[in-house]
Amino acid sequence: MVSQGLGGRVDPAFSSEILTEFHLVYDAAMGYVLTLPQGEERTEASTLLLTLWNMFSELEQVHYLLQAGAIPPEQGPGLSRLARTLCVEMDRPGPPLDALSLEAGMEEGDLGYVLGRYLASAHGLSRQLAGVEQAARERE
């Protein structure tokens, strides 16, 4: 969504479709979580879903800033590199994403604020997933 937004105006139908898909998947996942008995597993799953919700909300905000033309042109290349890096890193299992940070000059303004929150959520998600994986190994 961000990569397409950097390339120019995005068709509102595309944005709407992504939003709808996310909310359908989120609702289905939360429906499953609510069937779990009260306890650690349910709490962990709820926390993971809330973190994903926050990340998607922050992604929507970046998308809005792009579509509104509120991102200075000099921040475009850094945003593009961050988007590509996150696509790769979020798809692979492994250590937490704590090494990821904003490039110099990206910390400023509305974009810097939203990206800072997104990275904080991504770092949290990575640590949460590592904890869930560790707990699963201990249960085996």
Foldseek 3Di string as FASTA:
>chain_A
DLLVLLVDADDVVVVVVVVVVVVVVLVVQLVVLVVDPDDDVSVLSVVLSVLVVLLVVLVVVSSVCSNVVVDDPVCSVQVNVVVVVCVVVVPDQDAAPVVDDGDPPQCDDPRNVSVVSNNVSSNVSRVSVVVVVVVVVVVD
